[in-house]
Amino acid sequence: MLRIAVIAFITFAAAAAAQDRRPSHCIAIADAAPGLRYLHKAGFDSPVPEHSVRIVYLDHAMFLIQTEGSLGAVTDYAGYFGDSGYVPDVATMNQAHETHWTRYPDPGIRHVLKGWGETPDGAEHHLDLGEMLIRNVPTDIRGRFGGPVERNGNSIFIFEVAGLCIGHLGHLHHEPTDMQYAAIGRLDVVMAAVDGGMTLPSGTMVRIMKRLKSSIVIPMHWFGRGTLERFARDMSDEFDVRWSRDSEIVVSLLTLPSRPTVLVLEPLAQRGLYE
C-alpha cells in the first residue's frame, strides 16, 4: 500500500508540476480510433497536416519528430543527417555508444539536450517550445569494459506534441523502476531498441512494452531481421504487427490504432533515401 501511495503521489506531483508550466498529455489516455495514415517518402520540409506529428525513422536510433508548425527534433543524434541540408531545432543525445551522440553537433541546432549530466543525479530537461514540450527520465547504463554502472548516465526522452506523448527509450540498459514508470507516464508512441542484447534481452523489452501499453511501438536499434522478427512474434499475442516499406508515419490523436500495434518502419539510411 505504501508503494502504491508513493507512486500515486509522484504521478500527481508530476501532473501538478506540468500544470504549472504547461498541461501534460502523458498522464491521460488518448482517445483511440482505428486507422494509421502512412505516407510515402517526402522531403523534410514538407508540411505536416493539422493536429498531427510526422515521425521519420532516419537510422539506427535516430528519428525525426516534426510538428505542423515545422519544429523538428532528432533523437539520439549521432552527428549526421544525410545530404538534405535540413537542420533540426532540437537534438537529443545518449552516451552509451558513439552511434547515439556526437561531440560536434551542427552549430545550427538551437537546443542540444544531453541525456547525461555532470553529477550522479543525471540530466534534467524540461524544454517548452510551445508546440513541443521535451522532458527526460534518467536511466542507468552499464559501465564500459565491465566497469561500474553509471547512475543516470542516459535518458528516456519524451516529446509532448499535438496532444500525443511520444517516448524514445534510447540505449536502455534496465527495466524502469516503478518510480521511473510513473515519471514516464502514458506513451502513445514509443521507439524501443530490439537488438536483444546490447541494450536489453528481447524478453525484457517485450515485458516493458506490454506494461507501457502504447498505441504504437516502433522497433529500432536492430541489426538483422532475426531479432526484429523475434520481437514482433513475442509481441503478437497482445499487439497487432504491421510491416511497412515506408520510413515515416503521420499520426494524430484521431488516427491512433484501436488495438496496440507494433509498426516496423524501414530506416531511410538503409533505403538510401536521405534527401
C-alpha atoms as a PDB file:
ATOM      1  CA  MET A   1       0.000   0.000   0.000  1.00  0.00           C
ATOM      2  CA  LEU A   2       2.855   2.344   0.808  1.00  0.00           C
ATOM      3  CA  ARG A   3       4.433   1.778  -2.612  1.00  0.00           C
ATOM      4  CA  ILE A   4       1.103   2.415  -4.351  1.00  0.00           C
ATOM      5  CA  ALA A   5       0.657   5.615  -2.362  1.00  0.00           C
ATOM      6  CA  VAL A   6       4.169   6.776  -3.283  1.00  0.00           C
ATOM      7  CA  ILE A   7       3.586   6.090  -6.982  1.00  0.00           C
ATOM      8  CA  ALA A   8       0.239   7.874  -6.860  1.00  0.00           C
ATOM      9  CA  PHE A   9       1.851  10.865  -5.166  1.00  0.00           C
ATOM     10  CA  ILE A  10       4.646  11.007  -7.758  1.00  0.00           C
ATOM     11  CA  THR A  11       2.143  10.828 -10.592  1.00  0.00           C
ATOM     12  CA  PHE A  12       0.028  13.568  -9.018  1.00  0.00           C
ATOM     13  CA  ALA A  13       3.083  15.727  -8.331  1.00  0.00           C
ATOM     14  CA  ALA A  14       4.351  15.292 -11.892  1.00  0.00           C
ATOM     15  CA  ALA A  15       0.961  16.287 -13.247  1.00  0.00           C
ATOM     16  CA  ALA A  16       0.764  19.281 -10.918  1.00  0.00           C
ATOM     17  CA  ALA A  17       4.255  20.444 -11.866  1.00  0.00           C
ATOM     18  CA  ALA A  18       3.419  20.149 -15.542  1.00  0.00           C
ATOM     19  CA  GLN A  19       0.250  22.190 -14.989  1.00  0.00           C
ATOM     20  CA  ASP A  20       2.407  24.992 -13.564  1.00  0.00           C
ATOM     21  CA  ARG A  21       4.274  25.110 -16.860  1.00  0.00           C
ATOM     22  CA  ARG A  22       2.005  23.585 -19.465  1.00  0.00           C
ATOM     23  CA  PRO A  23      -0.594  20.783 -19.344  1.00  0.00           C
ATOM     24  CA  SER A  24       0.922  17.331 -19.808  1.00  0.00           C
ATOM     25  CA  HIS A  25      -0.825  14.874 -22.081  1.00  0.00           C
ATOM     26  CA  CYS A  26       1.226  11.950 -20.825  1.00  0.00           C
ATOM     27  CA  ILE A  27      -0.943  11.196 -17.805  1.00  0.00           C
ATOM     28  CA  ALA A  28      -4.252  10.980 -19.657  1.00  0.00           C
ATOM     29  CA  ILE A  29      -5.091   8.155 -22.047  1.00  0.00           C
ATOM     30  CA  ALA A  30      -5.672   9.472 -25.545  1.00  0.00           C
ATOM     31  CA  ASP A  31      -8.884   8.627 -27.365  1.00  0.00           C
ATOM     32  CA  ALA A  32      -8.246   5.798 -29.815  1.00  0.00           C
ATOM     33  CA  ALA A  33      -9.744   5.473 -33.258  1.00  0.00           C
ATOM     34  CA  PRO A  34      -8.904   2.911 -35.952  1.00  0.00           C
ATOM     35  CA  GLY A  35      -6.504   3.629 -38.765  1.00  0.00           C
ATOM     36  CA  LEU A  36      -2.975   4.864 -39.299  1.00  0.00           C
ATOM     37  CA  ARG A  37      -2.139   7.048 -42.247  1.00  0.00           C
ATOM     38  CA  TYR A  38       1.102   6.070 -43.956  1.00  0.00           C
ATOM     39  CA  LEU A  39       2.886   8.434 -46.315  1.00  0.00           C
ATOM     40  CA  HIS A  40       5.457   7.730 -48.979  1.00  0.00           C
ATOM     41  CA  LYS A  41       8.832   9.430 -48.829  1.00  0.00           C
ATOM     42  CA  ALA A  42       8.643  13.186 -48.571  1.00  0.00           C
ATOM     43  CA  GLY A  43      11.185  15.931 -48.058  1.00  0.00           C
ATOM     44  CA  PHE A  44      11.869  17.059 -44.501  1.00  0.00           C
ATOM     45  CA  ASP A  45      10.416  20.474 -45.397  1.00  0.00           C
ATOM     46  CA  SER A  46       7.041  19.080 -46.489  1.00  0.00           C
ATOM     47  CA  PRO A  47       4.156  20.417 -44.365  1.00  0.00           C
ATOM     48  CA  VAL A  48       2.696  18.309 -41.566  1.00  0.00           C
ATOM     49  CA  PRO A  49      -1.124  18.096 -41.505  1.00  0.00           C
ATOM     50  CA  GLU A  50      -3.063  19.956 -38.836  1.00  0.00           C
ATOM     51  CA  HIS A  51      -3.060  18.459 -35.313  1.00  0.00           C
ATOM     52  CA  SER A  52      -0.594  15.790 -36.427  1.00  0.00           C
ATOM     53  CA  VAL A  53       3.017  14.728 -35.995  1.00  0.00           C
ATOM     54  CA  ARG A  54       5.385  13.275 -38.573  1.00  0.00           C
ATOM     55  CA  ILE A  55       7.831  10.631 -37.336  1.00  0.00           C
ATOM     56  CA  VAL A  56      10.643   9.656 -39.714  1.00  0.00           C
ATOM     57  CA  TYR A  57      12.968   6.742 -38.988  1.00  0.00           C
ATOM     58  CA  LEU A  58      16.379   8.006 -40.109  1.00  0.00           C
ATOM     59  CA  ASP A  59      18.858   5.355 -38.963  1.00  0.00           C
ATOM     60  CA  HIS A  60      19.756   3.113 -36.018  1.00  0.00           C
ATOM     61  CA  ALA A  61      18.140   5.022 -33.111  1.00  0.00           C
ATOM     62  CA  MET A  62      17.688   8.375 -34.888  1.00  0.00           C
ATOM     63  CA  PHE A  63      14.174   9.618 -35.573  1.00  0.00           C
ATOM     64  CA  LEU A  64      12.960  12.996 -36.773  1.00  0.00           C
ATOM     65  CA  ILE A  65       9.825  14.241 -35.000  1.00  0.00           C
ATOM     66  CA  GLN A  66       8.141  17.175 -36.790  1.00  0.00           C
ATOM     67  CA  THR A  67       5.176  19.372 -35.898  1.00  0.00           C
ATOM     68  CA  GLU A  68       2.701  21.145 -38.156  1.00  0.00           C
ATOM     69  CA  GLY A  69       4.488  24.386 -37.280  1.00  0.00           C
ATOM     70  CA  SER A  70       7.764  22.981 -38.681  1.00  0.00           C
ATOM     71  CA  LEU A  71       9.521  22.350 -35.375  1.00  0.00           C
ATOM     72  CA  GLY A  72      11.859  19.384 -35.690  1.00  0.00           C
ATOM     73  CA  ALA A  73      13.636  17.227 -33.105  1.00  0.00           C
ATOM     74  CA  VAL A  74      16.125  14.431 -33.831  1.00  0.00           C
ATOM     75  CA  THR A  75      16.566  11.650 -31.272  1.00  0.00           C
ATOM     76  CA  ASP A  76      19.903  10.040 -30.346  1.00  0.00           C
ATOM     77  CA  TYR A  77      21.608  12.387 -32.788  1.00  0.00           C
ATOM     78  CA  ALA A  78      24.936  10.945 -33.953  1.00  0.00           C
ATOM     79  CA  GLY A  79      26.127  13.984 -35.915  1.00  0.00           C
ATOM     80  CA  TYR A  80      24.966  13.123 -39.414  1.00  0.00           C
ATOM     81  CA  PHE A  81      21.733  13.874 -41.206  1.00  0.00           C
ATOM     82  CA  GLY A  82      22.249  12.879 -44.810  1.00  0.00           C
ATOM     83  CA  ASP A  83      22.677  15.419 -47.598  1.00  0.00           C
ATOM     84  CA  SER A  84      19.350  17.178 -47.178  1.00  0.00           C
ATOM     85  CA  GLY A  85      20.768  20.365 -45.662  1.00  0.00           C
ATOM     86  CA  TYR A  86      17.975  20.204 -43.096  1.00  0.00           C
ATOM     87  CA  VAL A  87      18.893  21.370 -39.580  1.00  0.00           C
ATOM     88  CA  PRO A  88      16.550  20.376 -36.745  1.00  0.00           C
ATOM     89  CA  ASP A  89      15.626  22.707 -33.908  1.00  0.00           C
ATOM     90  CA  VAL A  90      16.452  20.119 -31.234  1.00  0.00           C
ATOM     91  CA  ALA A  91      18.826  17.180 -30.939  1.00  0.00           C
ATOM     92  CA  THR A  92      18.738  14.722 -28.050  1.00  0.00           C
ATOM     93  CA  MET A  93      21.740  12.501 -27.373  1.00  0.00           C
ATOM     94  CA  ASN A  94      22.705   9.493 -25.245  1.00  0.00           C
ATOM     95  CA  GLN A  95      26.248   8.385 -24.498  1.00  0.00           C
ATOM     96  CA  ALA A  96      26.196   4.594 -24.200  1.00  0.00           C
ATOM     97  CA  HIS A  97      27.861   4.378 -27.633  1.00  0.00           C
ATOM     98  CA  GLU A  98      29.079   6.930 -30.163  1.00  0.00           C
ATOM     99  CA  THR A  99      26.286   5.928 -32.516  1.00  0.00           C
ATOM    100  CA  HIS A 100      23.929   7.784 -30.155  1.00  0.00           C
ATOM    101  CA  TRP A 101      25.737  11.094 -29.695  1.00  0.00           C
ATOM    102  CA  THR A 102      28.398  13.385 -31.129  1.00  0.00           C
ATOM    103  CA  ARG A 103      30.994  15.741 -29.721  1.00  0.00           C
ATOM    104  CA  TYR A 104      30.405  18.053 -32.671  1.00  0.00           C
ATOM    105  CA  PRO A 105      26.691  18.762 -33.180  1.00  0.00           C
ATOM    106  CA  ASP A 106      25.722  21.030 -36.061  1.00  0.00           C
ATOM    107  CA  PRO A 107      26.081  24.602 -34.723  1.00  0.00           C
ATOM    108  CA  GLY A 108      22.764  25.465 -36.346  1.00  0.00           C
ATOM    109  CA  ILE A 109      20.856  23.249 -33.876  1.00  0.00           C
ATOM    110  CA  ARG A 110      19.349  25.603 -31.298  1.00  0.00           C
ATOM    111  CA  HIS A 111      18.878  23.076 -28.496  1.00  0.00           C
ATOM    112  CA  VAL A 112      21.248  20.140 -27.875  1.00  0.00           C
ATOM    113  CA  LEU A 113      19.973  18.041 -24.982  1.00  0.00           C
ATOM    114  CA  LYS A 114      22.418  15.576 -23.451  1.00  0.00           C
ATOM    115  CA  GLY A 115      20.910  12.550 -21.754  1.00  0.00           C
ATOM    116  CA  TRP A 116      23.613  12.549 -19.100  1.00  0.00           C
ATOM    117  CA  GLY A 117      24.723  15.088 -16.520  1.00  0.00           C
ATOM    118  CA  GLU A 118      27.834  16.093 -14.679  1.00  0.00           C
ATOM    119  CA  THR A 119      26.527  14.740 -11.340  1.00  0.00           C
ATOM    120  CA  PRO A 120      25.067  11.370 -10.223  1.00  0.00           C
ATOM    121  CA  ASP A 121      21.596  12.925 -10.451  1.00  0.00           C
ATOM    122  CA  GLY A 122      21.948  12.992 -14.232  1.00  0.00           C
ATOM    123  CA  ALA A 123      20.403  15.436 -16.669  1.00  0.00           C
ATOM    124  CA  GLU A 124      17.130  17.257 -16.125  1.00  0.00           C
ATOM    125  CA  HIS A 125      15.382  18.732 -19.146  1.00  0.00           C
ATOM    126  CA  HIS A 126      12.042  20.460 -19.459  1.00  0.00           C
ATOM    127  CA  LEU A 127      12.172  22.384 -22.721  1.00  0.00           C
ATOM    128  CA  ASP A 128       8.914  24.100 -23.693  1.00  0.00           C
ATOM    129  CA  LEU A 129       8.918  25.245 -27.318  1.00  0.00           C
ATOM    130  CA  GLY A 130       5.201  25.969 -27.461  1.00  0.00           C
ATOM    131  CA  GLU A 131       4.220  23.325 -29.973  1.00  0.00           C
ATOM    132  CA  MET A 132       6.516  20.768 -28.385  1.00  0.00           C
ATOM    133  CA  LEU A 133       7.457  20.026 -24.805  1.00  0.00           C
ATOM    134  CA  ILE A 134      10.543  17.838 -24.285  1.00  0.00           C
ATOM    135  CA  ARG A 135      11.431  16.231 -20.973  1.00  0.00           C
ATOM    136  CA  ASN A 136      13.568  13.320 -19.843  1.00  0.00           C
ATOM    137  CA  VAL A 137      13.638  10.463 -17.361  1.00  0.00           C
ATOM    138  CA  PRO A 138      17.245   9.500 -16.437  1.00  0.00           C
ATOM    139  CA  THR A 139      18.255   5.825 -16.520  1.00  0.00           C
ATOM    140  CA  ASP A 140      21.394   3.924 -15.537  1.00  0.00           C
ATOM    141  CA  ILE A 141      23.840   2.440 -18.032  1.00  0.00           C
ATOM    142  CA  ARG A 142      26.299  -0.422 -17.733  1.00  0.00           C
ATOM    143  CA  GLY A 143      29.915   0.550 -17.288  1.00  0.00           C
ATOM    144  CA  ARG A 144      32.208   0.343 -20.297  1.00  0.00           C
ATOM    145  CA  PHE A 145      34.519  -2.680 -20.477  1.00  0.00           C
ATOM    146  CA  GLY A 146      32.971  -4.195 -17.357  1.00  0.00           C
ATOM    147  CA  GLY A 147      33.269  -1.047 -15.279  1.00  0.00           C
ATOM    148  CA  PRO A 148      30.761   0.049 -12.628  1.00  0.00           C
ATOM    149  CA  VAL A 149      27.220   1.057 -13.512  1.00  0.00           C
ATOM    150  CA  GLU A 150      26.893   4.745 -14.327  1.00  0.00           C
ATOM    151  CA  ARG A 151      23.901   6.076 -12.429  1.00  0.00           C
ATOM    152  CA  ASN A 152      21.579   8.222 -14.529  1.00  0.00           C
ATOM    153  CA  GLY A 153      24.048   8.088 -17.399  1.00  0.00           C
ATOM    154  CA  ASN A 154      21.391   8.159 -20.119  1.00  0.00           C
ATOM    155  CA  SER A 155      17.801   9.299 -20.555  1.00  0.00           C
ATOM    156  CA  ILE A 156      14.435   8.337 -21.904  1.00  0.00           C
ATOM    157  CA  PHE A 157      13.293  11.425 -23.806  1.00  0.00           C
ATOM    158  CA  ILE A 158       9.601  12.252 -24.030  1.00  0.00           C
ATOM    159  CA  PHE A 159       8.083  14.599 -26.593  1.00  0.00           C
ATOM    160  CA  GLU A 160       4.633  16.042 -25.893  1.00  0.00           C
ATOM    161  CA  VAL A 161       3.156  17.398 -29.098  1.00  0.00           C
ATOM    162  CA  ALA A 162      -0.279  17.661 -30.736  1.00  0.00           C
ATOM    163  CA  GLY A 163      -1.867  16.007 -27.711  1.00  0.00           C
ATOM    164  CA  LEU A 164       0.385  12.966 -28.119  1.00  0.00           C
ATOM    165  CA  CYS A 165       3.085  11.654 -25.827  1.00  0.00           C
ATOM    166  CA  ILE A 166       5.985  10.195 -27.802  1.00  0.00           C
ATOM    167  CA  GLY A 167       8.774   8.367 -25.982  1.00  0.00           C
ATOM    168  CA  HIS A 168      12.243   7.361 -27.172  1.00  0.00           C
ATOM    169  CA  LEU A 169      13.808   4.799 -24.844  1.00  0.00           C
ATOM    170  CA  GLY A 170      17.358   5.405 -26.062  1.00  0.00           C
ATOM    171  CA  HIS A 171      20.042   2.856 -25.189  1.00  0.00           C
ATOM    172  CA  LEU A 172      18.055   1.424 -22.284  1.00  0.00           C
ATOM    173  CA  HIS A 173      20.041  -0.967 -20.067  1.00  0.00           C
ATOM    174  CA  HIS A 174      17.497  -1.878 -17.389  1.00  0.00           C
ATOM    175  CA  GLU A 175      13.773  -2.133 -16.882  1.00  0.00           C
ATOM    176  CA  PRO A 176      12.421   1.131 -15.446  1.00  0.00           C
ATOM    177  CA  THR A 177      11.631   1.183 -11.752  1.00  0.00           C
ATOM    178  CA  ASP A 178       8.086   1.890 -10.546  1.00  0.00           C
ATOM    179  CA  MET A 179       9.113   5.492  -9.916  1.00  0.00           C
ATOM    180  CA  GLN A 180      10.502   5.791 -13.434  1.00  0.00           C
ATOM    181  CA  TYR A 181       7.356   4.279 -14.951  1.00  0.00           C
ATOM    182  CA  ALA A 182       5.345   6.872 -13.027  1.00  0.00           C
ATOM    183  CA  ALA A 183       7.611   9.679 -14.270  1.00  0.00           C
ATOM    184  CA  ILE A 184       7.302   8.456 -17.862  1.00  0.00           C
ATOM    185  CA  GLY A 185       3.510   8.418 -17.721  1.00  0.00           C
ATOM    186  CA  ARG A 186       1.404   7.445 -20.727  1.00  0.00           C
ATOM    187  CA  LEU A 187       3.237   6.965 -24.023  1.00  0.00           C
ATOM    188  CA  ASP A 188       1.036   6.935 -27.120  1.00  0.00           C
ATOM    189  CA  VAL A 189       4.029   6.182 -29.362  1.00  0.00           C
ATOM    190  CA  VAL A 190       7.292   4.607 -28.223  1.00  0.00           C
ATOM    191  CA  MET A 191      10.560   3.840 -30.020  1.00  0.00           C
ATOM    192  CA  ALA A 192      12.145   0.741 -28.484  1.00  0.00           C
ATOM    193  CA  ALA A 193      15.532  -0.929 -29.018  1.00  0.00           C
ATOM    194  CA  VAL A 194      15.025  -4.559 -30.048  1.00  0.00           C
ATOM    195  CA  ASP A 195      18.614  -5.729 -30.644  1.00  0.00           C
ATOM    196  CA  GLY A 196      18.145  -8.331 -27.916  1.00  0.00           C
ATOM    197  CA  GLY A 197      21.471  -7.920 -26.163  1.00  0.00           C
ATOM    198  CA  MET A 198      23.407  -4.673 -26.497  1.00  0.00           C
ATOM    199  CA  THR A 199      20.562  -2.899 -24.724  1.00  0.00           C
ATOM    200  CA  LEU A 200      18.206  -5.435 -23.126  1.00  0.00           C
ATOM    201  CA  PRO A 201      17.268  -9.070 -23.704  1.00  0.00           C
ATOM    202  CA  SER A 202      14.293  -9.315 -26.022  1.00  0.00           C
ATOM    203  CA  GLY A 203      12.072 -10.795 -23.324  1.00  0.00           C
ATOM    204  CA  THR A 204      12.731  -7.860 -21.007  1.00  0.00           C
ATOM    205  CA  MET A 205      11.904  -5.317 -23.709  1.00  0.00           C
ATOM    206  CA  VAL A 206       8.713  -7.208 -24.541  1.00  0.00           C
ATOM    207  CA  ARG A 207       7.734  -7.065 -20.854  1.00  0.00           C
ATOM    208  CA  ILE A 208       8.367  -3.300 -20.785  1.00  0.00           C
ATOM    209  CA  MET A 209       6.282  -2.760 -23.911  1.00  0.00           C
ATOM    210  CA  LYS A 210       3.389  -4.773 -22.540  1.00  0.00           C
ATOM    211  CA  ARG A 211       3.447  -2.751 -19.337  1.00  0.00           C
ATOM    212  CA  LEU A 212       3.546   0.588 -21.158  1.00  0.00           C
ATOM    213  CA  LYS A 213       0.682  -0.492 -23.465  1.00  0.00           C
ATOM    214  CA  SER A 214       1.469   2.220 -26.007  1.00  0.00           C
ATOM    215  CA  SER A 215      -0.789   2.522 -29.043  1.00  0.00           C
ATOM    216  CA  ILE A 216       2.193   2.375 -31.416  1.00  0.00           C
ATOM    217  CA  VAL A 217       5.542   0.646 -30.824  1.00  0.00           C
ATOM    218  CA  ILE A 218       8.253   1.382 -33.404  1.00  0.00           C
ATOM    219  CA  PRO A 219      11.213  -1.033 -33.206  1.00  0.00           C
ATOM    220  CA  MET A 220      14.687   0.497 -33.577  1.00  0.00           C
ATOM    221  CA  HIS A 221      18.319  -0.400 -32.930  1.00  0.00           C
ATOM    222  CA  TRP A 222      18.082  -3.730 -34.717  1.00  0.00           C
ATOM    223  CA  PHE A 223      20.944  -5.288 -36.629  1.00  0.00           C
ATOM    224  CA  GLY A 224      19.170  -8.035 -38.515  1.00  0.00           C
ATOM    225  CA  ARG A 225      15.773  -9.499 -39.266  1.00  0.00           C
ATOM    226  CA  GLY A 226      16.220 -12.310 -36.762  1.00  0.00           C
ATOM    227  CA  THR A 227      15.940 -10.238 -33.571  1.00  0.00           C
ATOM    228  CA  LEU A 228      13.350  -7.970 -35.187  1.00  0.00           C
ATOM    229  CA  GLU A 229      11.131 -10.902 -36.141  1.00  0.00           C
ATOM    230  CA  ARG A 230      11.530 -12.488 -32.713  1.00  0.00           C
ATOM    231  CA  PHE A 231      10.416  -9.274 -31.015  1.00  0.00           C
ATOM    232  CA  ALA A 232       7.422  -8.974 -33.364  1.00  0.00           C
ATOM    233  CA  ARG A 233       6.459 -12.601 -32.743  1.00  0.00           C
ATOM    234  CA  ASP A 234       6.681 -12.237 -28.970  1.00  0.00           C
ATOM    235  CA  MET A 235       4.511  -9.113 -29.092  1.00  0.00           C
ATOM    236  CA  SER A 236       1.882 -10.546 -31.431  1.00  0.00           C
ATOM    237  CA  ASP A 237      -0.295 -12.065 -28.702  1.00  0.00           C
ATOM    238  CA  GLU A 238      -1.263  -8.614 -27.400  1.00  0.00           C
ATOM    239  CA  PHE A 239      -0.308  -6.306 -30.287  1.00  0.00           C
ATOM    240  CA  ASP A 240      -1.101  -6.180 -33.975  1.00  0.00           C
ATOM    241  CA  VAL A 241       2.087  -6.261 -36.058  1.00  0.00           C
ATOM    242  CA  ARG A 242       2.359  -4.189 -39.234  1.00  0.00           C
ATOM    243  CA  TRP A 243       5.353  -4.277 -41.553  1.00  0.00           C
ATOM    244  CA  SER A 244       5.744  -1.116 -43.589  1.00  0.00           C
ATOM    245  CA  ARG A 245       8.066  -0.445 -46.506  1.00  0.00           C
ATOM    246  CA  ASP A 246       7.970   3.241 -45.654  1.00  0.00           C
ATOM    247  CA  SER A 247      10.217   5.165 -43.284  1.00  0.00           C
ATOM    248  CA  GLU A 248       7.658   7.533 -41.827  1.00  0.00           C
ATOM    249  CA  ILE A 249       4.191   7.929 -40.429  1.00  0.00           C
ATOM    250  CA  VAL A 250       1.927  10.872 -39.821  1.00  0.00           C
ATOM    251  CA  VAL A 251      -0.143  10.310 -36.699  1.00  0.00           C
ATOM    252  CA  SER A 252      -2.653  12.245 -34.591  1.00  0.00           C
ATOM    253  CA  LEU A 253      -4.915  11.561 -31.638  1.00  0.00           C
ATOM    254  CA  LEU A 254      -7.689  10.654 -34.056  1.00  0.00           C
ATOM    255  CA  THR A 255      -5.602   8.183 -36.056  1.00  0.00           C
ATOM    256  CA  LEU A 256      -4.114   6.135 -33.223  1.00  0.00           C
ATOM    257  CA  PRO A 257      -4.959   2.469 -33.822  1.00  0.00           C
ATOM    258  CA  SER A 258      -7.810   0.968 -31.816  1.00  0.00           C
ATOM    259  CA  ARG A 259      -5.600  -2.006 -30.893  1.00  0.00           C
ATOM    260  CA  PRO A 260      -1.956  -1.583 -29.747  1.00  0.00           C
ATOM    261  CA  THR A 261       0.281  -2.006 -32.770  1.00  0.00           C
ATOM    262  CA  VAL A 262       3.916  -2.811 -33.467  1.00  0.00           C
ATOM    263  CA  LEU A 263       4.794  -0.792 -36.570  1.00  0.00           C
ATOM    264  CA  VAL A 264       8.026  -1.802 -38.311  1.00  0.00           C
ATOM    265  CA  LEU A 265       9.481   1.062 -40.356  1.00  0.00           C
ATOM    266  CA  GLU A 266      12.470   0.883 -42.701  1.00  0.00           C
ATOM    267  CA  PRO A 267      15.317   3.307 -41.822  1.00  0.00           C
ATOM    268  CA  LEU A 268      15.890   5.935 -44.506  1.00  0.00           C
ATOM    269  CA  ALA A 269      19.638   5.357 -44.380  1.00  0.00           C
ATOM    270  CA  GLN A 270      19.212   1.695 -45.292  1.00  0.00           C
ATOM    271  CA  ARG A 271      16.959   2.621 -48.184  1.00  0.00           C
ATOM    272  CA  GLY A 272      19.365   5.287 -49.472  1.00  0.00           C
ATOM    273  CA  LEU A 273      16.595   7.861 -49.327  1.00  0.00           C
ATOM    274  CA  TYR A 274      18.027  10.731 -47.319  1.00  0.00           C
ATOM    275  CA  GLU A 275      17.028  13.951 -49.041  1.00  0.00           C
END
